[in-house]
PDB file of N, CA and C in Angstrom:
ATOM      1  N   MET A   1      22.585  10.861  41.940  1.00  0.00           N
ATOM      2  CA  MET A   1      23.024   9.843  41.194  1.00  0.00           C
ATOM      3  C   MET A   1      24.735  10.099  40.785  1.00  0.00           C
ATOM      4  N   SER A   2      25.345   8.855  41.296  1.00  0.00           N
ATOM      5  CA  SER A   2      26.549   8.839  41.364  1.00  0.00           C
ATOM      6  C   SER A   2      27.116   8.105  39.960  1.00  0.00           C
ATOM      7  N   VAL A   3      28.299   8.549  39.316  1.00  0.00           N
ATOM      8  CA  VAL A   3      28.711   7.960  37.972  1.00  0.00           C
ATOM      9  C   VAL A   3      30.208   6.981  38.644  1.00  0.00           C
ATOM     10  N   PRO A   4      30.378   5.858  38.064  1.00  0.00           N
ATOM     11  CA  PRO A   4      30.947   4.962  38.711  1.00  0.00           C
ATOM     12  C   PRO A   4      32.554   5.180  37.963  1.00  0.00           C
ATOM     13  N   LYS A   5      33.457   5.055  38.948  1.00  0.00           N
ATOM     14  CA  LYS A   5      34.595   5.750  38.655  1.00  0.00           C
ATOM     15  C   LYS A   5      35.395   5.211  37.158  1.00  0.00           C
ATOM     16  N   TRP A   6      35.119   4.211  36.623  1.00  0.00           N
ATOM     17  CA  TRP A   6      35.507   3.750  35.529  1.00  0.00           C
ATOM     18  C   TRP A   6      34.900   4.147  34.015  1.00  0.00           C
ATOM     19  N   THR A   7      33.701   5.122  34.225  1.00  0.00           N
ATOM     20  CA  THR A   7      33.038   5.381  33.213  1.00  0.00           C
ATOM     21  C   THR A   7      33.700   6.457  32.537  1.00  0.00           C
ATOM     22  N   ILE A   8      34.387   7.315  33.060  1.00  0.00           N
ATOM     23  CA  ILE A   8      35.181   8.506  32.127  1.00  0.00           C
ATOM     24  C   ILE A   8      36.574   8.030  31.469  1.00  0.00           C
ATOM     25  N   PRO A   9      36.991   7.068  32.430  1.00  0.00           N
ATOM     26  CA  PRO A   9      38.510   6.425  31.688  1.00  0.00           C
ATOM     27  C   PRO A   9      37.856   5.635  30.510  1.00  0.00           C
ATOM     28  N   LEU A  10      36.715   4.754  30.493  1.00  0.00           N
ATOM     29  CA  LEU A  10      36.432   4.199  29.467  1.00  0.00           C
ATOM     30  C   LEU A  10      35.833   4.595  28.420  1.00  0.00           C
ATOM     31  N   THR A  11      34.950   5.881  28.711  1.00  0.00           N
ATOM     32  CA  THR A  11      34.725   6.687  27.733  1.00  0.00           C
ATOM     33  C   THR A  11      35.961   7.559  26.713  1.00  0.00           C
ATOM     34  N   PHE A  12      36.753   8.010  27.488  1.00  0.00           N
ATOM     35  CA  PHE A  12      38.052   8.324  26.894  1.00  0.00           C
ATOM     36  C   PHE A  12      38.752   7.356  26.029  1.00  0.00           C
ATOM     37  N   VAL A  13      38.748   5.989  26.529  1.00  0.00           N
ATOM     38  CA  VAL A  13      39.744   4.811  25.672  1.00  0.00           C
ATOM     39  C   VAL A  13      38.956   4.750  24.543  1.00  0.00           C
ATOM     40  N   GLY A  14      37.409   4.713  24.551  1.00  0.00           N
ATOM     41  CA  GLY A  14      36.694   4.469  23.359  1.00  0.00           C
ATOM     42  C   GLY A  14      36.876   5.729  22.563  1.00  0.00           C
ATOM     43  N   LEU A  15      36.453   6.696  22.871  1.00  0.00           N
ATOM     44  CA  LEU A  15      36.995   7.972  21.923  1.00  0.00           C
ATOM     45  C   LEU A  15      38.201   8.270  21.117  1.00  0.00           C
ATOM     46  N   SER A  16      39.122   7.808  21.959  1.00  0.00           N
ATOM     47  CA  SER A  16      40.401   7.935  21.331  1.00  0.00           C
ATOM     48  C   SER A  16      40.902   6.878  20.298  1.00  0.00           C
ATOM     49  N   GLY A  17      40.104   5.860  20.570  1.00  0.00           N
ATOM     50  CA  GLY A  17      40.146   4.455  19.478  1.00  0.00           C
ATOM     51  C   GLY A  17      39.421   4.996  18.340  1.00  0.00           C
ATOM     52  N   LEU A  18      38.323   5.848  18.510  1.00  0.00           N
ATOM     53  CA  LEU A  18      37.565   6.156  17.404  1.00  0.00           C
ATOM     54  C   LEU A  18      38.180   7.254  16.340  1.00  0.00           C
ATOM     55  N   GLY A  19      39.045   8.067  17.246  1.00  0.00           N
ATOM     56  CA  GLY A  19      39.860   9.071  16.621  1.00  0.00           C
ATOM     57  C   GLY A  19      41.154   8.542  15.987  1.00  0.00           C
ATOM     58  N   ALA A  20      41.877   7.205  16.580  1.00  0.00           N
ATOM     59  CA  ALA A  20      42.793   6.847  15.806  1.00  0.00           C
ATOM     60  C   ALA A  20      42.521   6.286  14.485  1.00  0.00           C
ATOM     61  N   MET A  21      41.085   5.705  14.670  1.00  0.00           N
ATOM     62  CA  MET A  21      40.423   4.756  13.248  1.00  0.00           C
ATOM     63  C   MET A  21      40.305   6.051  12.283  1.00  0.00           C
ATOM     64  N   LEU A  22      39.605   6.982  12.624  1.00  0.00           N
ATOM     65  CA  LEU A  22      39.602   8.354  11.553  1.00  0.00           C
ATOM     66  C   LEU A  22      40.419   8.924  11.245  1.00  0.00           C
ATOM     67  N   PHE A  23      41.967   8.762  11.928  1.00  0.00           N
ATOM     68  CA  PHE A  23      42.986   9.519  11.459  1.00  0.00           C
ATOM     69  C   PHE A  23      44.054   8.380  10.676  1.00  0.00           C
ATOM     70  N   SER A  24      43.785   7.088  10.781  1.00  0.00           N
ATOM     71  CA  SER A  24      44.366   6.334  10.048  1.00  0.00           C
ATOM     72  C   SER A  24      44.140   6.031   8.374  1.00  0.00           C
ATOM     73  N   GLU A  25      44.790   5.620   7.631  1.00  0.00           N
ATOM     74  CA  GLU A  25      44.295   5.403   6.232  1.00  0.00           C
ATOM     75  C   GLU A  25      43.374   4.352   6.085  1.00  0.00           C
ATOM     76  N   ARG A  26      43.810   3.334   6.888  1.00  0.00           N
ATOM     77  CA  ARG A  26      42.668   2.177   6.885  1.00  0.00           C
ATOM     78  C   ARG A  26      41.388   2.651   7.838  1.00  0.00           C
ATOM     79  N   GLY A  27      41.140   3.393   8.391  1.00  0.00           N
ATOM     80  CA  GLY A  27      40.006   3.952   9.141  1.00  0.00           C
ATOM     81  C   GLY A  27      39.517   4.994   7.966  1.00  0.00           C
ATOM     82  N   ARG A  28      39.915   5.572   7.638  1.00  0.00           N
ATOM     83  CA  ARG A  28      39.244   6.625   6.460  1.00  0.00           C
ATOM     84  C   ARG A  28      38.685   5.868   5.223  1.00  0.00           C
ATOM     85  N   LYS A  29      39.394   4.762   4.848  1.00  0.00           N
ATOM     86  CA  LYS A  29      38.842   3.840   3.966  1.00  0.00           C
ATOM     87  C   LYS A  29      37.617   3.298   4.232  1.00  0.00           C
ATOM     88  N   LEU A  30      37.574   2.685   5.394  1.00  0.00           N
ATOM     89  CA  LEU A  30      36.601   2.250   6.042  1.00  0.00           C
ATOM     90  C   LEU A  30      35.565   2.851   5.948  1.00  0.00           C
ATOM     91  N   VAL A  31      35.456   4.076   6.352  1.00  0.00           N
ATOM     92  CA  VAL A  31      34.438   5.138   6.676  1.00  0.00           C
ATOM     93  C   VAL A  31      34.068   5.972   5.099  1.00  0.00           C
ATOM     94  N   ARG A  32      34.776   5.372   4.232  1.00  0.00           N
ATOM     95  CA  ARG A  32      34.485   5.900   2.781  1.00  0.00           C
ATOM     96  C   ARG A  32      33.501   4.952   2.441  1.00  0.00           C
ATOM     97  N   SER A  33      34.124   3.309   2.351  1.00  0.00           N
ATOM     98  CA  SER A  33      33.509   2.499   2.258  1.00  0.00           C
ATOM     99  C   SER A  33      31.927   2.536   2.545  1.00  0.00           C
ATOM    100  N   ILE A  34      31.736   2.656   3.772  1.00  0.00           N
ATOM    101  CA  ILE A  34      30.577   2.841   4.345  1.00  0.00           C
ATOM    102  C   ILE A  34      29.445   3.789   3.553  1.00  0.00           C
ATOM    103  N   ALA A  35      30.204   4.974   3.792  1.00  0.00           N
ATOM    104  CA  ALA A  35      29.306   5.991   3.084  1.00  0.00           C
ATOM    105  C   ALA A  35      28.962   5.687   1.802  1.00  0.00           C
ATOM    106  N   GLU A  36      29.874   5.247   0.900  1.00  0.00           N
ATOM    107  CA  GLU A  36      29.525   4.746  -0.601  1.00  0.00           C
ATOM    108  C   GLU A  36      28.399   3.527  -0.573  1.00  0.00           C
ATOM    109  N   ARG A  37      28.478   2.617   0.251  1.00  0.00           N
ATOM    110  CA  ARG A  37      27.376   1.628   0.587  1.00  0.00           C
ATOM    111  C   ARG A  37      25.942   2.297   0.657  1.00  0.00           C
ATOM    112  N   LEU A  38      25.994   3.500   1.763  1.00  0.00           N
ATOM    113  CA  LEU A  38      24.960   4.226   2.137  1.00  0.00           C
ATOM    114  C   LEU A  38      24.444   4.716   0.975  1.00  0.00           C
ATOM    115  N   SER A  39      25.316   5.376   0.524  1.00  0.00           N
ATOM    116  CA  SER A  39      24.409   6.710  -0.629  1.00  0.00           C
ATOM    117  C   SER A  39      24.073   5.576  -1.853  1.00  0.00           C
ATOM    118  N   SER A  40      24.116   4.469  -2.222  1.00  0.00           N
ATOM    119  CA  SER A  40      23.731   3.449  -3.309  1.00  0.00           C
ATOM    120  C   SER A  40      22.428   2.605  -2.725  1.00  0.00           C
ATOM    121  N   ALA A  41      22.241   2.740  -1.491  1.00  0.00           N
ATOM    122  CA  ALA A  41      21.279   1.704  -0.916  1.00  0.00           C
ATOM    123  C   ALA A  41      19.756   2.460  -1.329  1.00  0.00           C
ATOM    124  N   PRO A  42      19.514   3.779  -1.266  1.00  0.00           N
ATOM    125  CA  PRO A  42      18.271   4.212  -1.919  1.00  0.00           C
ATOM    126  C   PRO A  42      17.984   3.450  -3.626  1.00  0.00           C
ATOM    127  N   GLY A  43      18.926   3.375  -3.998  1.00  0.00           N
ATOM    128  CA  GLY A  43      18.632   3.281  -5.609  1.00  0.00           C
ATOM    129  C   GLY A  43      18.297   1.681  -5.646  1.00  0.00           C
ATOM    130  N   ARG A  44      19.098   0.779  -4.751  1.00  0.00           N
ATOM    131  CA  ARG A  44      19.166  -0.721  -4.745  1.00  0.00           C
ATOM    132  C   ARG A  44      17.429  -0.920  -4.397  1.00  0.00           C
ATOM    133  N   LEU A  45      17.210  -0.048  -3.313  1.00  0.00           N
ATOM    134  CA  LEU A  45      15.851  -0.253  -2.401  1.00  0.00           C
ATOM    135  C   LEU A  45      14.672  -0.262  -3.472  1.00  0.00           C
ATOM    136  N   ALA A  46      15.090   0.946  -4.312  1.00  0.00           N
ATOM    137  CA  ALA A  46      13.975   1.228  -5.565  1.00  0.00           C
ATOM    138  C   ALA A  46      13.863   0.497  -6.481  1.00  0.00           C
ATOM    139  N   VAL A  47      14.800  -0.277  -6.894  1.00  0.00           N
ATOM    140  CA  VAL A  47      15.070  -1.611  -7.796  1.00  0.00           C
ATOM    141  C   VAL A  47      14.002  -2.683  -7.144  1.00  0.00           C
ATOM    142  N   TRP A  48      14.238  -2.997  -5.918  1.00  0.00           N
ATOM    143  CA  TRP A  48      13.684  -4.235  -5.114  1.00  0.00           C
ATOM    144  C   TRP A  48      12.195  -3.792  -4.901  1.00  0.00           C
ATOM    145  N   ASN A  49      12.236  -2.703  -4.837  1.00  0.00           N
ATOM    146  CA  ASN A  49      10.661  -2.202  -4.345  1.00  0.00           C
ATOM    147  C   ASN A  49       9.660  -2.573  -5.583  1.00  0.00           C
ATOM    148  N   ASP A  50      10.155  -2.233  -6.919  1.00  0.00           N
ATOM    149  CA  ASP A  50       9.728  -2.128  -7.913  1.00  0.00           C
ATOM    150  C   ASP A  50       9.355  -3.373  -8.398  1.00  0.00           C
ATOM    151  N   ALA A  51      10.588  -4.266  -8.151  1.00  0.00           N
ATOM    152  CA  ALA A  51      10.210  -5.922  -8.549  1.00  0.00           C
ATOM    153  C   ALA A  51       9.124  -6.414  -7.798  1.00  0.00           C
ATOM    154  N   ALA A  52       9.096  -6.083  -6.487  1.00  0.00           N
ATOM    155  CA  ALA A  52       8.140  -6.800  -5.549  1.00  0.00           C
ATOM    156  C   ALA A  52       6.762  -6.382  -5.938  1.00  0.00           C
ATOM    157  N   GLN A  53       6.742  -5.091  -6.123  1.00  0.00           N
ATOM    158  CA  GLN A  53       5.154  -4.733  -6.637  1.00  0.00           C
ATOM    159  C   GLN A  53       4.882  -5.142  -7.990  1.00  0.00           C
ATOM    160  N   LYS A  54       5.749  -5.726  -8.970  1.00  0.00           N
ATOM    161  CA  LYS A  54       5.498  -6.169 -10.170  1.00  0.00           C
ATOM    162  C   LYS A  54       4.859  -8.018  -9.960  1.00  0.00           C
ATOM    163  N   GLU A  55       5.614  -8.301  -8.765  1.00  0.00           N
ATOM    164  CA  GLU A  55       5.280  -9.748  -8.243  1.00  0.00           C
ATOM    165  C   GLU A  55       3.900  -9.677  -7.679  1.00  0.00           C
ATOM    166  N   LEU A  56       3.815  -8.839  -6.738  1.00  0.00           N
ATOM    167  CA  LEU A  56       2.475  -8.830  -6.099  1.00  0.00           C
ATOM    168  C   LEU A  56       1.218  -8.516  -7.008  1.00  0.00           C
ATOM    169  N   ASP A  57       1.447  -7.499  -7.971  1.00  0.00           N
ATOM    170  CA  ASP A  57       0.572  -7.261  -9.244  1.00  0.00           C
ATOM    171  C   ASP A  57       0.253  -8.913  -9.696  1.00  0.00           C
ATOM    172  N   HIS A  58       1.296  -9.389 -10.044  1.00  0.00           N
ATOM    173  CA  HIS A  58       1.294 -10.644 -10.787  1.00  0.00           C
ATOM    174  C   HIS A  58       0.316 -11.573 -10.010  1.00  0.00           C
ATOM    175  N   ILE A  59       0.756 -11.728  -8.759  1.00  0.00           N
ATOM    176  CA  ILE A  59      -0.236 -12.712  -7.841  1.00  0.00           C
ATOM    177  C   ILE A  59      -1.816 -12.023  -7.584  1.00  0.00           C
ATOM    178  N   GLN A  60      -1.728 -10.878  -7.503  1.00  0.00           N
ATOM    179  CA  GLN A  60      -3.229 -10.096  -7.157  1.00  0.00           C
ATOM    180  C   GLN A  60      -3.942 -11.064  -8.863  1.00  0.00           C
ATOM    181  N   GLN A  61      -3.306 -10.669  -9.968  1.00  0.00           N
ATOM    182  CA  GLN A  61      -4.064 -11.231 -11.015  1.00  0.00           C
ATOM    183  C   GLN A  61      -4.540 -12.431 -11.006  1.00  0.00           C
ATOM    184  N   ALA A  62      -3.425 -13.440 -10.724  1.00  0.00           N
ATOM    185  CA  ALA A  62      -3.689 -15.173 -10.544  1.00  0.00           C
ATOM    186  C   ALA A  62      -4.533 -15.430  -9.785  1.00  0.00           C
ATOM    187  N   VAL A  63      -4.807 -14.523  -8.553  1.00  0.00           N
ATOM    188  CA  VAL A  63      -5.919 -14.401  -8.082  1.00  0.00           C
ATOM    189  C   VAL A  63      -7.461 -14.045  -8.213  1.00  0.00           C
ATOM    190  N   LYS A  64      -7.620 -13.132  -9.098  1.00  0.00           N
ATOM    191  CA  LYS A  64      -8.422 -12.833  -9.649  1.00  0.00           C
ATOM    192  C   LYS A  64      -9.019 -13.851 -10.471  1.00  0.00           C
ATOM    193  N   GLU A  65      -7.996 -14.153 -11.515  1.00  0.00           N
ATOM    194  CA  GLU A  65      -8.118 -15.276 -12.685  1.00  0.00           C
ATOM    195  C   GLU A  65      -9.007 -16.480 -11.775  1.00  0.00           C
ATOM    196  N   LEU A  66      -8.327 -16.925 -10.592  1.00  0.00           N
ATOM    197  CA  LEU A  66      -8.694 -18.285 -10.052  1.00  0.00           C
ATOM    198  C   LEU A  66     -10.351 -18.054  -9.576  1.00  0.00           C
ATOM    199  N   GLU A  67     -10.191 -16.944  -8.928  1.00  0.00           N
ATOM    200  CA  GLU A  67     -11.837 -16.506  -8.531  1.00  0.00           C
ATOM    201  C   GLU A  67     -12.655 -16.608  -9.663  1.00  0.00           C
ATOM    202  N   GLN A  68     -12.485 -16.012 -10.739  1.00  0.00           N
ATOM    203  CA  GLN A  68     -13.404 -15.799 -12.120  1.00  0.00           C
ATOM    204  C   GLN A  68     -13.476 -17.508 -12.450  1.00  0.00           C
ATOM    205  N   SER A  69     -12.530 -18.265 -12.468  1.00  0.00           N
ATOM    206  CA  SER A  69     -12.902 -19.717 -12.862  1.00  0.00           C
ATOM    207  C   SER A  69     -13.283 -20.319 -11.982  1.00  0.00           C
ATOM    208  N   LEU A  70     -13.617 -20.382 -10.556  1.00  0.00           N
ATOM    209  CA  LEU A  70     -14.352 -20.877  -9.637  1.00  0.00           C
ATOM    210  C   LEU A  70     -15.650 -19.951  -9.543  1.00  0.00           C
ATOM    211  N   GLY A  71     -16.028 -19.027 -10.129  1.00  0.00           N
ATOM    212  CA  GLY A  71     -17.278 -18.503 -10.250  1.00  0.00           C
ATOM    213  C   GLY A  71     -17.831 -17.624  -8.712  1.00  0.00           C
ATOM    214  N   THR A  72     -16.604 -17.482  -8.088  1.00  0.00           N
ATOM    215  CA  THR A  72     -16.993 -16.987  -6.597  1.00  0.00           C
ATOM    216  C   THR A  72     -16.574 -15.688  -6.857  1.00  0.00           C
ATOM    217  N   HIS A  73     -17.383 -14.701  -6.036  1.00  0.00           N
ATOM    218  CA  HIS A  73     -16.743 -13.225  -5.969  1.00  0.00           C
ATOM    219  C   HIS A  73     -17.267 -12.945  -4.653  1.00  0.00           C
ATOM    220  N   THR A  74     -15.617 -11.931  -4.275  1.00  0.00           N
ATOM    221  CA  THR A  74     -15.652 -11.574  -2.964  1.00  0.00           C
ATOM    222  C   THR A  74     -15.917 -10.141  -3.104  1.00  0.00           C
ATOM    223  N   ALA A  75     -16.405  -9.427  -1.852  1.00  0.00           N
ATOM    224  CA  ALA A  75     -16.367  -8.203  -1.647  1.00  0.00           C
ATOM    225  C   ALA A  75     -15.488  -7.248  -1.698  1.00  0.00           C
ATOM    226  N   GLN A  76     -15.453  -6.458  -2.162  1.00  0.00           N
ATOM    227  CA  GLN A  76     -13.921  -5.513  -2.158  1.00  0.00           C
ATOM    228  C   GLN A  76     -14.195  -4.097  -1.473  1.00  0.00           C
TER     229      GLN A  76
END
């Protein structure tokens, strides 16, 4: 399997650009910002998960009440 001639220069250009971004002040700010957002994501997901679970519990209770009012019973 042969590697095209342009693969190595393109890889070098890409890595050079990434390195330049990380060594610039703006690049470091961007990386910090992304890291902060990722570190706060689990907390926000936990809050959303709790709210979604409460809503599902509310829907399940409403279905049970509807089932009782109609006088039907389903196998569980």
